[in-house]
Each structure stands twice: as structure tokens, then as C-alpha cells.
Amino acid sequence: MAALGDGAAVVHFWSRLAAGAAHPAGPHAVDTLILAVLVRRGGAWRIKALENVTLTDPRTGETVLRKPGD
């Protein structure tokens, strides 16, 4: 997290969603990169804006932007 001040911050992280056997393409993992802007309101952090970019083809599980193990 990068603080922008007392009441705002930016977070940047990877996420992985595991799709199971019920998915049409079968079991596979979908990787995404998330960038979010957080603001503090009443003592709690709230998401003000969020961008989620898929790094894996959600239909096939094929890596799109990064190599497995990165």
C-alpha cells in the first residue's frame, strides 16, 4: 500500500481465482492484477476506485501477460 496522505492510499496486488470442474474449460486458474484507490471514512478504509486486469484467458486458463511461476 502506498499512502497518499492520512485518508487515501493506493494498493496494487495479484489475485488468483481457481475455476473448478464445472467451468466449461475445466479446472484452471485465472490470474488478475488489481489496482485500487482507498479512502478512509469514519475510521474504515473504503474502495473509491478499482481496476482489475485479467492476466489469464478466462476461457482457457492460458497465461496472457506473465509466465507461470512469476
N, C-alpha and C. Protein backbone atom coordinates (compact mmCIF):
# COMPACT_ATOMS: atom_id res chain seq x y z
N MET A 1 0.85 -1.18 0.00
CA MET A 1 0.00 0.00 0.00
C MET A 1 0.89 1.23 0.00
N ALA A 2 0.52 2.19 -0.81
CA ALA A 2 1.23 3.47 -0.86
C ALA A 2 0.29 4.55 -0.33
N ALA A 3 0.64 5.13 0.79
CA ALA A 3 -0.20 6.19 1.38
C ALA A 3 -0.08 7.46 0.56
N LEU A 4 -1.21 8.07 0.27
CA LEU A 4 -1.24 9.35 -0.44
C LEU A 4 -1.45 10.49 0.53
N GLY A 5 -1.70 10.17 1.76
CA GLY A 5 -1.98 11.13 2.82
C GLY A 5 -2.63 10.38 3.97
N ASP A 6 -3.18 11.11 4.93
CA ASP A 6 -3.81 10.46 6.08
C ASP A 6 -5.07 9.68 5.71
N GLY A 7 -5.74 10.10 4.65
CA GLY A 7 -7.02 9.48 4.33
C GLY A 7 -7.12 8.84 2.98
N ALA A 8 -6.00 8.58 2.32
CA ALA A 8 -6.06 7.97 0.98
C ALA A 8 -4.83 7.10 0.75
N ALA A 9 -5.03 6.02 0.00
CA ALA A 9 -3.92 5.10 -0.31
C ALA A 9 -4.20 4.38 -1.62
N VAL A 10 -3.14 3.88 -2.23
CA VAL A 10 -3.24 3.07 -3.45
C VAL A 10 -2.71 1.68 -3.12
N VAL A 11 -3.45 0.64 -3.52
CA VAL A 11 -2.98 -0.73 -3.36
C VAL A 11 -2.89 -1.39 -4.73
N HIS A 12 -1.92 -2.27 -4.88
CA HIS A 12 -1.62 -2.92 -6.15
C HIS A 12 -1.25 -4.36 -5.82
N PHE A 13 -1.99 -5.34 -6.33
CA PHE A 13 -1.69 -6.73 -5.97
C PHE A 13 -2.20 -7.71 -7.03
N TRP A 14 -1.62 -8.92 -6.99
CA TRP A 14 -2.03 -10.03 -7.85
C TRP A 14 -3.16 -10.79 -7.16
N SER A 15 -4.04 -11.38 -7.94
CA SER A 15 -5.03 -12.29 -7.38
C SER A 15 -5.12 -13.53 -8.28
N ARG A 16 -5.55 -14.63 -7.72
CA ARG A 16 -5.73 -15.86 -8.49
C ARG A 16 -7.06 -16.49 -8.11
N LEU A 17 -7.90 -16.71 -9.12
CA LEU A 17 -9.19 -17.36 -8.95
C LEU A 17 -9.06 -18.78 -9.50
N ALA A 18 -9.41 -19.76 -8.71
CA ALA A 18 -9.35 -21.15 -9.16
C ALA A 18 -10.73 -21.56 -9.66
N ALA A 19 -10.84 -21.87 -10.96
CA ALA A 19 -12.09 -22.36 -11.54
C ALA A 19 -12.11 -23.88 -11.42
N GLY A 20 -13.25 -24.42 -11.06
CA GLY A 20 -13.36 -25.86 -10.84
C GLY A 20 -13.86 -26.61 -12.06
N ALA A 21 -14.18 -27.86 -11.85
CA ALA A 21 -14.59 -28.76 -12.94
C ALA A 21 -15.88 -28.31 -13.62
N ALA A 22 -16.72 -27.52 -12.94
CA ALA A 22 -17.98 -27.06 -13.53
C ALA A 22 -17.76 -26.00 -14.61
N HIS A 23 -16.57 -25.37 -14.67
CA HIS A 23 -16.27 -24.37 -15.69
C HIS A 23 -16.22 -25.04 -17.05
N PRO A 24 -16.77 -24.41 -18.10
CA PRO A 24 -16.76 -25.02 -19.43
C PRO A 24 -15.37 -25.42 -19.94
N ALA A 25 -14.33 -24.69 -19.52
CA ALA A 25 -12.96 -25.02 -19.95
C ALA A 25 -12.29 -26.00 -18.99
N GLY A 26 -13.01 -26.44 -17.96
CA GLY A 26 -12.44 -27.35 -16.98
C GLY A 26 -11.68 -26.60 -15.91
N PRO A 27 -11.07 -27.32 -14.98
CA PRO A 27 -10.33 -26.68 -13.89
C PRO A 27 -9.12 -25.90 -14.40
N HIS A 28 -8.97 -24.69 -13.94
CA HIS A 28 -7.80 -23.87 -14.26
C HIS A 28 -7.78 -22.64 -13.35
N ALA A 29 -6.69 -21.89 -13.38
CA ALA A 29 -6.56 -20.67 -12.57
C ALA A 29 -6.61 -19.45 -13.46
N VAL A 30 -7.25 -18.40 -12.97
CA VAL A 30 -7.32 -17.12 -13.69
C VAL A 30 -6.57 -16.10 -12.84
N ASP A 31 -5.49 -15.53 -13.40
CA ASP A 31 -4.70 -14.51 -12.70
C ASP A 31 -5.16 -13.12 -13.10
N THR A 32 -5.21 -12.21 -12.12
CA THR A 32 -5.54 -10.82 -12.40
C THR A 32 -4.60 -9.90 -11.63
N LEU A 33 -4.49 -8.69 -12.09
CA LEU A 33 -3.73 -7.64 -11.43
C LEU A 33 -4.72 -6.57 -11.01
N ILE A 34 -4.74 -6.24 -9.72
CA ILE A 34 -5.72 -5.29 -9.19
C ILE A 34 -5.01 -4.02 -8.71
N LEU A 35 -5.56 -2.88 -9.09
CA LEU A 35 -5.10 -1.57 -8.62
C LEU A 35 -6.32 -0.89 -8.02
N ALA A 36 -6.22 -0.46 -6.77
CA ALA A 36 -7.37 0.17 -6.10
C ALA A 36 -6.94 1.44 -5.38
N VAL A 37 -7.84 2.41 -5.35
CA VAL A 37 -7.67 3.63 -4.58
C VAL A 37 -8.59 3.51 -3.37
N LEU A 38 -8.01 3.65 -2.17
CA LEU A 38 -8.78 3.54 -0.93
C LEU A 38 -8.85 4.90 -0.24
N VAL A 39 -9.98 5.17 0.40
CA VAL A 39 -10.13 6.38 1.20
C VAL A 39 -10.63 5.97 2.59
N ARG A 40 -10.20 6.72 3.60
CA ARG A 40 -10.63 6.43 4.97
C ARG A 40 -11.83 7.31 5.29
N ARG A 41 -12.92 6.67 5.69
CA ARG A 41 -14.15 7.37 6.07
C ARG A 41 -14.62 6.81 7.41
N GLY A 42 -14.73 7.65 8.39
CA GLY A 42 -15.21 7.22 9.69
C GLY A 42 -14.38 6.11 10.32
N GLY A 43 -13.08 6.13 10.10
CA GLY A 43 -12.19 5.14 10.69
C GLY A 43 -12.08 3.83 9.91
N ALA A 44 -12.81 3.68 8.79
CA ALA A 44 -12.75 2.46 7.99
C ALA A 44 -12.23 2.79 6.59
N TRP A 45 -11.47 1.88 6.00
CA TRP A 45 -10.99 2.06 4.63
C TRP A 45 -12.06 1.59 3.66
N ARG A 46 -12.34 2.39 2.64
CA ARG A 46 -13.35 2.10 1.62
C ARG A 46 -12.69 2.16 0.24
N ILE A 47 -13.13 1.31 -0.66
CA ILE A 47 -12.63 1.34 -2.04
C ILE A 47 -13.34 2.47 -2.78
N LYS A 48 -12.56 3.39 -3.31
CA LYS A 48 -13.11 4.52 -4.07
C LYS A 48 -13.10 4.18 -5.57
N ALA A 49 -12.05 3.50 -6.03
CA ALA A 49 -11.93 3.10 -7.44
C ALA A 49 -11.12 1.81 -7.49
N LEU A 50 -11.44 0.94 -8.47
CA LEU A 50 -10.73 -0.33 -8.60
C LEU A 50 -10.66 -0.72 -10.07
N GLU A 51 -9.49 -1.19 -10.49
CA GLU A 51 -9.30 -1.72 -11.83
C GLU A 51 -8.77 -3.14 -11.68
N ASN A 52 -9.37 -4.08 -12.39
CA ASN A 52 -8.99 -5.49 -12.33
C ASN A 52 -8.68 -5.94 -13.76
N VAL A 53 -7.42 -6.25 -14.03
CA VAL A 53 -6.97 -6.63 -15.37
C VAL A 53 -6.67 -8.12 -15.38
N THR A 54 -7.30 -8.86 -16.30
CA THR A 54 -7.08 -10.29 -16.41
C THR A 54 -5.74 -10.57 -17.06
N LEU A 55 -4.94 -11.45 -16.43
CA LEU A 55 -3.65 -11.84 -16.96
C LEU A 55 -3.70 -13.24 -17.55
N THR A 56 -4.83 -13.92 -17.39
CA THR A 56 -5.03 -15.27 -17.88
C THR A 56 -6.32 -15.29 -18.70
N ASP A 57 -6.30 -15.97 -19.82
CA ASP A 57 -7.52 -16.10 -20.62
C ASP A 57 -8.54 -16.88 -19.79
N PRO A 58 -9.67 -16.25 -19.40
CA PRO A 58 -10.61 -16.92 -18.52
C PRO A 58 -11.30 -18.12 -19.16
N ARG A 59 -11.26 -18.21 -20.48
CA ARG A 59 -11.89 -19.35 -21.15
C ARG A 59 -11.00 -20.57 -21.19
N THR A 60 -9.67 -20.36 -21.22
CA THR A 60 -8.76 -21.49 -21.39
C THR A 60 -7.78 -21.67 -20.24
N GLY A 61 -7.55 -20.61 -19.47
CA GLY A 61 -6.55 -20.66 -18.42
C GLY A 61 -5.15 -20.37 -18.93
N GLU A 62 -5.01 -20.08 -20.22
CA GLU A 62 -3.69 -19.79 -20.81
C GLU A 62 -3.16 -18.45 -20.29
N THR A 63 -1.89 -18.45 -19.89
CA THR A 63 -1.25 -17.22 -19.41
C THR A 63 -1.18 -16.20 -20.53
N VAL A 64 -1.57 -14.96 -20.21
CA VAL A 64 -1.59 -13.90 -21.21
C VAL A 64 -0.42 -12.94 -21.04
N LEU A 65 -0.18 -12.44 -19.81
CA LEU A 65 0.82 -11.40 -19.61
C LEU A 65 2.01 -11.80 -18.74
N ARG A 66 1.94 -12.92 -18.06
CA ARG A 66 3.08 -13.33 -17.25
C ARG A 66 3.26 -14.83 -17.34
N LYS A 67 4.47 -15.28 -17.10
CA LYS A 67 4.81 -16.69 -17.17
C LYS A 67 4.42 -17.39 -15.89
N PRO A 68 4.05 -18.69 -15.97
CA PRO A 68 3.74 -19.43 -14.76
C PRO A 68 4.93 -19.39 -13.79
N GLY A 69 4.66 -19.20 -12.52
CA GLY A 69 5.72 -19.14 -11.51
C GLY A 69 6.23 -17.74 -11.25
N ASP A 70 5.84 -16.75 -12.06
CA ASP A 70 6.28 -15.36 -11.81
C ASP A 70 5.54 -14.79 -10.63
